[in-house]
Protein backbone atom coordinates (compact mmCIF):
# COMPACT_ATOMS: atom_id res chain seq x y z
CA MET A 1 -12.38 -22.25 -6.66
CA ALA A 2 -14.36 -19.16 -8.08
CA GLY A 3 -15.25 -19.60 -11.68
CA TYR A 4 -14.43 -16.33 -14.41
CA GLN A 5 -17.17 -13.56 -14.41
CA PRO A 6 -16.49 -10.54 -16.67
CA GLY A 7 -14.19 -7.97 -15.46
CA ARG A 8 -12.70 -10.56 -13.36
CA ILE A 9 -9.37 -12.05 -13.47
CA PRO A 10 -9.27 -14.86 -15.54
CA ALA A 11 -8.78 -17.99 -13.11
CA MET A 12 -5.28 -19.20 -12.05
CA PRO A 13 -3.89 -15.80 -11.73
CA THR A 14 -0.23 -14.96 -11.13
CA VAL A 15 1.52 -13.64 -8.04
CA ALA A 16 1.08 -10.40 -10.72
CA GLY A 17 -1.83 -9.97 -12.00
CA LEU A 18 -2.71 -10.02 -7.70
CA LEU A 19 -0.45 -7.20 -7.32
CA ASN A 20 -2.03 -4.86 -10.36
CA ALA A 21 -5.70 -5.22 -8.20
CA LEU A 22 -3.75 -4.74 -4.96
CA ASP A 23 -1.98 -1.47 -6.72
CA THR A 24 -6.25 -0.58 -8.24
CA ILE A 25 -7.20 -1.52 -4.58
CA ALA A 26 -4.53 0.33 -2.50
CA PRO A 27 -2.94 2.46 -5.32
CA PRO A 28 0.99 2.84 -4.34
CA GLU A 29 0.74 6.71 -4.91
CA LEU A 30 -0.98 6.88 -1.14
CA ALA A 31 1.56 5.50 0.02
CA TYR A 32 3.72 6.70 2.25
CA PRO A 33 7.26 7.53 1.15
CA ASP A 34 9.78 4.51 1.99
CA ASP A 35 6.99 2.38 2.80
CA PRO A 36 8.24 -0.71 1.75
CA ILE A 37 4.90 -1.88 -0.12
CA GLY A 38 4.46 -4.58 -3.02
CA LEU A 39 5.99 -7.70 -3.98
CA GLN A 40 8.72 -8.42 -1.36
CA VAL A 41 8.80 -12.27 -1.51
CA GLY A 42 8.34 -14.58 -4.67
CA ARG A 43 7.88 -14.50 -8.04
CA LYS A 44 5.36 -12.24 -10.37
CA SER A 45 5.46 -14.74 -13.12
CA ASP A 46 4.29 -17.83 -10.26
CA VAL A 47 0.43 -18.65 -10.27
CA PHE A 48 -1.74 -19.46 -7.69
CA GLU A 49 -5.02 -20.73 -6.26
CA LYS A 50 -5.23 -19.84 -2.67
CA ALA A 51 -4.32 -16.77 -0.85
CA VAL A 52 -4.25 -15.49 2.94
CA VAL A 53 -4.79 -12.30 3.97
CA ALA A 54 -3.04 -10.98 6.94
CA LEU A 55 -2.26 -8.21 9.55
CA ASP A 56 1.36 -9.94 10.43
CA VAL A 57 3.68 -12.59 8.61
CA SER A 58 4.19 -14.56 11.26
CA PRO A 59 5.00 -18.34 11.86
CA ALA A 60 1.70 -18.84 12.97
CA ALA A 61 0.59 -16.77 9.67
CA ILE A 62 3.21 -19.03 7.60
CA ASP A 63 1.56 -22.12 9.10
CA HIS A 64 -2.18 -21.65 8.57
CA ALA A 65 -0.86 -20.40 4.87
CA VAL A 66 0.93 -23.93 4.51
CA SER A 67 -2.30 -25.60 5.86
CA VAL A 68 -4.89 -24.36 3.53
CA ASP A 69 -2.33 -24.83 0.60
CA ALA A 70 -2.54 -21.78 0.15
CA THR A 71 1.10 -20.09 -1.68
CA VAL A 72 0.54 -16.32 -0.93
CA ILE A 73 0.31 -14.21 2.16
CA VAL A 74 -1.17 -10.94 1.53
CA ALA A 75 -0.05 -8.59 4.56
CA HIS A 76 -0.44 -5.18 5.94
CA HIS A 77 3.08 -4.73 8.31
CA ALA A 78 6.28 -5.89 5.89
CA PRO A 79 8.39 -8.12 6.36
CA ILE A 80 11.18 -6.41 5.22
CA TYR A 81 10.95 -2.72 6.28
CA HIS A 82 14.80 -2.32 6.16
CA PRO A 83 17.30 -3.55 4.05
CA VAL A 84 18.39 -7.30 5.20
CA ARG A 85 21.87 -8.36 5.38
CA SER A 86 21.26 -11.37 6.48
CA LEU A 87 19.36 -14.57 7.46
CA ALA A 88 21.14 -16.63 9.24
CA GLY A 89 20.45 -16.26 12.89
CA ASP A 90 17.50 -16.74 15.34
CA GLY A 91 16.36 -13.48 15.05
CA PHE A 92 12.50 -13.62 14.43
CA GLN A 93 12.65 -11.49 10.81
CA ALA A 94 15.27 -14.03 9.63
CA GLN A 95 12.95 -16.86 10.80
CA VAL A 96 10.02 -15.58 9.22
CA LEU A 97 12.23 -15.21 6.39
CA ARG A 98 13.39 -18.12 5.78
CA ALA A 99 10.00 -20.10 6.77
CA ALA A 100 8.27 -18.05 4.17
CA ILE A 101 10.93 -19.51 1.34
CA ARG A 102 10.88 -23.32 2.17
CA ALA A 103 7.09 -23.35 1.76
CA ASN A 104 7.57 -21.05 -1.87
CA LEU A 105 4.95 -18.46 -0.22
CA ALA A 106 5.21 -15.29 -2.07
CA ILE A 107 4.49 -12.05 0.36
CA LEU A 108 2.37 -9.20 -0.76
CA VAL A 109 2.22 -6.18 1.09
CA ALA A 110 -0.54 -3.46 1.18
CA HIS A 111 0.45 -1.06 4.13
CA THR A 112 -0.53 2.83 4.69
CA ASN A 113 -1.48 2.73 1.46
CA TRP A 114 -4.26 0.59 2.20
CA ASP A 115 -4.76 2.53 5.47
CA ALA A 116 -5.80 6.04 2.68
CA ALA A 117 -7.49 3.78 -0.27
CA PRO A 118 -11.00 4.37 -0.13
CA GLY A 119 -12.59 1.20 1.80
CA GLY A 120 -9.42 0.99 3.36
CA VAL A 121 -8.53 0.40 7.22
CA ASN A 122 -9.66 3.64 8.62
CA ASP A 123 -13.06 4.31 6.15
CA THR A 124 -13.69 -0.29 7.69
CA LEU A 125 -13.44 1.47 11.04
CA ALA A 126 -15.58 4.53 10.30
CA SER A 127 -18.41 2.23 8.80
CA MET A 128 -17.98 -0.42 12.16
CA LEU A 129 -18.33 3.07 14.41
CA SER A 130 -21.57 3.84 12.56
CA LEU A 131 -19.93 7.02 11.65
CA SER A 132 -22.06 9.54 9.52
CA ASP A 133 -20.57 12.02 7.67
CA VAL A 134 -17.31 10.66 7.04
CA ALA A 135 -14.96 12.79 5.48
CA PRO A 136 -10.61 12.59 5.60
CA PHE A 137 -8.95 14.15 7.55
CA GLY A 138 -4.94 15.06 7.75
CA ASP A 139 -3.29 15.36 3.97
CA ASP A 140 -0.20 13.42 5.18
CA VAL A 141 0.36 12.47 1.48
CA ASN A 142 1.29 14.40 -1.52
CA THR A 143 -0.15 11.81 -4.51
CA GLN A 144 2.08 12.95 -7.26
CA VAL A 145 1.91 11.70 -11.24
CA PHE A 146 4.10 12.46 -13.69
CA LYS A 147 3.53 11.49 -17.31
CA LEU A 148 7.19 10.09 -18.80
CA SER A 149 8.66 10.97 -22.09
CA VAL A 150 11.64 8.94 -23.08
CA PHE A 151 13.24 8.94 -26.88
CA VAL A 152 14.10 4.93 -28.00
CA PRO A 153 15.26 3.35 -31.14
CA ILE A 154 12.23 1.28 -32.92
CA GLY A 155 13.57 -2.19 -32.82
CA GLU A 156 14.04 -1.22 -29.20
CA THR A 157 10.30 0.14 -28.24
CA ASP A 158 8.80 -3.46 -26.83
CA ARG A 159 11.45 -4.00 -25.06
CA LEU A 160 11.68 -1.07 -23.13
CA ILE A 161 7.82 -0.77 -22.23
CA ASP A 162 8.19 -4.35 -20.83
CA ALA A 163 10.61 -3.16 -18.49
CA LEU A 164 9.06 0.32 -17.40
CA ALA A 165 5.35 -1.80 -16.95
CA ASP A 166 7.13 -4.42 -14.84
CA ALA A 167 8.55 -1.48 -12.93
CA GLY A 168 5.18 0.03 -12.18
CA ALA A 169 4.54 2.35 -14.94
CA GLY A 170 1.63 2.41 -17.36
CA GLY A 171 -1.08 1.38 -14.60
CA LEU A 172 -4.73 2.29 -15.61
CA GLY A 173 -7.35 0.44 -13.42
CA LEU A 174 -6.66 -3.13 -14.17
CA TYR A 175 -4.56 -2.20 -17.27
CA LYS A 176 -1.21 -2.55 -17.51
CA ARG A 177 1.04 -1.57 -20.11
CA CYS A 178 -0.71 1.44 -21.09
CA ALA A 179 1.60 3.12 -23.47
CA PHE A 180 1.87 5.57 -26.08
CA TYR A 181 4.29 5.98 -28.74
CA ALA A 182 4.89 7.80 -32.11
CA LYS A 183 7.79 8.14 -34.75
CA GLY A 184 10.18 10.38 -35.26
CA THR A 185 13.70 10.96 -36.02
CA GLY A 186 16.37 11.50 -33.64
CA THR A 187 19.51 13.02 -33.91
CA PHE A 188 22.69 13.38 -32.05
CA GLU A 189 26.29 13.81 -32.45
CA PRO A 190 28.61 11.68 -30.33
CA GLN A 191 31.43 13.05 -28.87
CA ASP A 192 35.07 12.09 -27.56
CA GLY A 193 34.79 9.44 -24.27
CA ALA A 194 31.28 8.66 -25.66
CA SER A 195 30.45 4.92 -26.22
CA PRO A 196 27.76 5.54 -28.78
CA ALA A 197 25.16 2.29 -29.05
CA ILE A 198 24.62 3.68 -32.38
CA GLY A 199 27.27 5.36 -34.69
CA ASN A 200 30.70 6.65 -34.40
CA VAL A 201 32.17 9.32 -32.30
CA GLY A 202 32.45 12.58 -34.27
CA SER A 203 29.50 11.56 -37.08
CA ARG A 204 26.32 13.11 -37.18
CA GLU A 205 23.51 10.50 -37.19
CA ARG A 206 20.15 10.74 -37.53
CA VAL A 207 18.01 7.49 -36.04
CA GLU A 208 13.92 6.41 -36.21
CA GLU A 209 12.97 6.58 -32.97
CA MET A 210 9.77 6.33 -30.70
CA ARG A 211 8.59 9.06 -28.35
CA VAL A 212 6.65 6.33 -25.82
CA GLU A 213 4.49 8.01 -23.18
CA MET A 214 3.48 6.90 -19.76
CA ARG A 215 1.84 7.57 -17.20
CA VAL A 216 4.01 6.80 -13.36
CA PRO A 217 2.55 7.30 -10.21
CA GLY A 218 4.70 9.79 -7.98
CA ALA A 219 5.57 6.87 -4.84
CA ILE A 220 8.02 4.77 -7.98
CA LYS A 221 9.52 7.26 -10.04
CA ASN A 222 12.44 6.70 -8.91
CA VAL A 223 12.30 3.04 -9.47
CA VAL A 224 10.67 3.59 -12.97
CA GLU A 225 13.52 5.82 -14.01
CA LYS A 226 16.45 3.28 -12.72
CA ALA A 227 14.30 0.66 -14.83
CA LEU A 228 14.47 2.80 -17.92
CA LEU A 229 18.59 3.16 -17.42
CA GLN A 230 19.13 -0.31 -17.39
CA ALA A 231 16.63 -1.72 -20.08
CA HIS A 232 17.63 1.49 -22.38
CA PRO A 233 20.09 0.97 -24.89
CA TYR A 234 21.78 4.38 -25.08
CA GLU A 235 24.72 5.69 -23.16
CA GLU A 236 22.45 8.95 -22.26
CA PRO A 237 19.08 8.02 -23.03
CA ALA A 238 16.97 11.56 -23.65
CA TYR A 239 13.72 11.25 -20.94
CA ASP A 240 11.85 13.27 -18.65
CA PHE A 241 8.96 13.23 -16.18
CA TRP A 242 6.09 15.93 -16.18
CA GLU A 243 3.75 16.24 -13.13
CA VAL A 244 0.27 15.59 -14.19
CA SER A 245 -1.06 16.11 -10.98
CA SER A 246 -0.45 16.67 -7.29
CA THR A 247 -3.22 16.43 -4.97
CA PRO A 248 -3.29 15.89 -0.77
CA ALA A 249 -4.37 12.33 0.72
CA SER A 250 -5.27 11.63 3.58
CA LEU A 251 -5.13 8.43 6.40
CA GLY A 252 -7.21 9.62 9.07
CA ARG A 253 -11.46 9.60 8.90
CA MET A 254 -13.39 11.64 10.43
CA GLY A 255 -17.15 11.09 11.30
CA ASP A 256 -20.17 12.08 13.71
CA LEU A 257 -21.45 8.84 16.22
CA PRO A 258 -25.06 8.30 16.08
CA GLU A 259 -25.40 10.54 19.51
CA ALA A 260 -23.77 12.39 21.59
CA MET A 261 -22.46 10.90 24.41
CA LEU A 262 -19.64 11.04 27.30
CA PHE A 263 -16.23 10.39 26.98
CA GLY A 264 -16.13 8.01 29.62
CA ASP A 265 -19.23 6.36 28.18
CA LEU A 266 -17.64 6.13 24.63
CA ARG A 267 -15.09 2.89 25.85
CA ASN A 268 -17.91 0.74 26.11
CA TYR A 269 -18.95 1.68 22.76
CA VAL A 270 -16.42 1.21 20.67
CA ASP A 271 -15.19 -1.90 22.74
CA GLN A 272 -18.80 -3.37 21.64
CA ALA A 273 -17.93 -2.58 17.72
CA LEU A 274 -14.09 -3.34 17.93
CA GLY A 275 -13.80 -6.49 20.10
CA SER A 276 -11.28 -4.36 22.27
CA ARG A 277 -10.51 -3.18 25.74
CA CYS A 278 -10.18 0.47 25.51
CA GLU A 279 -8.14 3.14 27.35
CA LEU A 280 -9.18 6.55 27.68
CA PHE A 281 -6.67 9.77 28.11
CA GLY A 282 -9.07 13.42 28.46
CA LYS A 283 -11.74 14.31 30.66
CA LEU A 284 -14.84 11.72 31.37
CA GLU A 285 -17.09 14.06 31.75
CA ARG A 286 -16.90 15.71 28.73
CA LYS A 287 -19.02 15.32 25.72
CA VAL A 288 -17.97 13.59 22.72
CA LYS A 289 -19.83 14.10 19.09
CA ARG A 290 -17.21 14.13 16.19
CA ILE A 291 -15.07 11.40 16.39
CA GLY A 292 -11.15 11.06 13.92
CA VAL A 293 -9.88 7.61 13.25
CA VAL A 294 -6.61 6.40 12.40
CA GLY A 295 -5.77 2.48 12.63
CA GLY A 296 -2.40 1.70 14.10
CA SER A 297 0.00 3.61 15.87
CA GLY A 298 -1.50 7.20 14.82
CA GLY A 299 -1.91 8.67 18.62
CA ASP A 300 1.04 11.66 16.64
CA PHE A 301 -2.36 12.54 14.42
CA TRP A 302 -4.33 13.67 17.59
CA THR A 303 -3.14 18.09 17.04
CA ARG A 304 -4.98 17.30 13.00
CA ALA A 305 -7.68 15.85 14.26
CA ARG A 306 -8.21 18.49 17.17
CA LEU A 307 -7.51 21.03 14.47
CA ALA A 308 -10.36 19.05 11.94
CA GLY A 309 -13.32 19.30 14.42
CA CYS A 310 -12.89 16.42 16.27
CA ASP A 311 -13.71 16.16 19.62
CA VAL A 312 -11.67 12.74 20.13
CA LEU A 313 -9.35 10.74 18.34
CA LEU A 314 -9.23 6.71 17.90
CA THR A 315 -6.39 5.09 17.16
CA GLY A 316 -4.58 1.51 17.55
CA GLU A 317 -1.74 3.07 20.02
CA CYS A 318 0.03 6.21 21.21
CA ARG A 319 2.89 7.09 23.13
CA HIS A 320 2.99 8.66 26.42
CA HIS A 321 3.77 12.02 26.16
CA GLU A 322 1.04 12.01 23.02
CA ALA A 323 -1.70 10.79 25.48
CA LEU A 324 -0.51 13.94 28.01
CA GLU A 325 -0.19 16.06 25.52
CA ALA A 326 -3.91 15.42 24.06
CA ALA A 327 -5.50 14.90 27.66
CA GLU A 328 -3.88 18.51 29.12
CA SER A 329 -4.70 20.31 25.92
CA GLY A 330 -8.70 19.88 26.62
CA PHE A 331 -8.46 16.95 23.79
CA ALA A 332 -9.63 13.45 24.11
CA LEU A 333 -7.53 10.06 23.17
CA ILE A 334 -8.80 6.58 23.04
CA GLU A 335 -6.97 3.72 22.39
CA ALA A 336 -8.23 0.56 21.20
CA GLY A 337 -5.19 -1.53 20.42
CA HIS A 338 -3.31 -2.34 17.18
CA TYR A 339 -5.32 -5.21 16.34
CA HIS A 340 -8.42 -4.29 16.72
CA THR A 341 -8.20 -1.48 14.53
CA GLU A 342 -6.07 -2.79 11.83
CA HIS A 343 -7.36 -6.39 11.65
CA PRO A 344 -11.00 -5.37 9.83
CA GLY A 345 -9.61 -3.56 7.53
CA MET A 346 -7.65 -6.88 6.32
CA VAL A 347 -11.08 -8.41 6.38
CA SER A 348 -12.44 -5.82 4.07
CA LEU A 349 -9.39 -6.62 1.72
CA ALA A 350 -9.88 -10.51 1.31
CA GLU A 351 -13.65 -9.20 0.60
CA ARG A 352 -12.08 -6.91 -1.97
CA LEU A 353 -9.93 -9.08 -3.32
CA ARG A 354 -12.45 -11.94 -3.50
CA GLU A 355 -14.93 -9.78 -6.15
CA THR A 356 -11.76 -9.12 -8.10
CA VAL A 357 -9.49 -12.52 -8.04
CA SER A 358 -10.38 -16.04 -9.00
CA ALA A 359 -8.86 -17.23 -6.43
CA GLU A 360 -9.95 -18.32 -2.93
CA PHE A 361 -8.48 -15.85 0.08
CA PHE A 362 -8.58 -16.79 3.86
CA VAL A 363 -8.44 -14.14 6.35
CA TYR A 364 -5.76 -15.20 8.99
CA GLU A 365 -7.04 -14.34 12.38
CA PRO A 366 -4.50 -15.31 15.32
CA PRO A 367 -5.71 -16.78 18.52
CA THR A 368 -6.43 -15.01 21.82
CA GLY A 369 -3.77 -13.50 23.85
CA ARG A 370 -1.33 -13.32 20.56
CA CYS A 371 -0.51 -10.61 17.66
CA GLY A 372 -2.17 -7.85 20.69
CA ARG A 373 -5.75 -9.99 20.52
CA SER A 374 -7.55 -9.95 23.81
CA ASP A 375 -10.97 -11.21 24.93
CA ALA A 376 -13.30 -7.94 25.16
């Protein structure tokens, strides 16, 4: 196991420490709304020495994790996307989750936040294709950041800050639980029907309180608010969320090919770079130079790519109507496979985690013929 280096998480990191590192590399505010990222299985308090980075959480990926004595899987695709009502039966999801629990594996997910993050899935694609003048396109996610201000009795300050930090508030780079607080006096008068934690109905109260302020990514604002209401001792706590920044973020990347080429010749260029077998949609004799890339299922990005000045969009897979509309509109689409456009980004993620976390990270690569992978 790699030794401690300045700026790295100490040896024998916890799942919580890995989650914090992952949030720094792929900030949760870059994720699409309701994208189920973060810790899905396991406990934050668990320590680990080895982890597997995989595109998917499959029985084979779990077997691989067990074979290398890993206790964590970091995945791109979430095994739990919608609420699970039961783990009974022989369904794929139930089998995967039961196997993960039996193996005592923690599962962490970085999905659209890693697609959009600097150095993520789509930056990796652009690099593999040797694109120049790379820039984002699309403005798909509005990355809001809020400041939370809440008033709490002095004796409850640490407990409330802990609860808010556990929900994701107060993160700054590799630091967590970042908060500012200042002492003051709060006053209130409980009315009939109230159940005050301090004082009595009808009596005017004055309480020494702390005003606590913490940073909250917009993607987890509702989660943090729920944690506040559960942890705060008051029946009706006083708090506010202030939006302090709002910046459009993009999943897609675009850049120039090393040289202009016929669209029909682009197939071999991409297949050699990605190890894929591409499908082309558009006029093969058309010259292309500027290309947009969106890993995975990005066929619906073609109109945004065209508006951004791209000649062609490369993605993992697209729907029939998307390919038809793009080709008939004079644009061009190239479909390189979900696996081949996203797996390289997971290799990049493993490299980033090795630089940050004092643990061993293995990349799971499914055998040929599985998970959309084929021989070039």
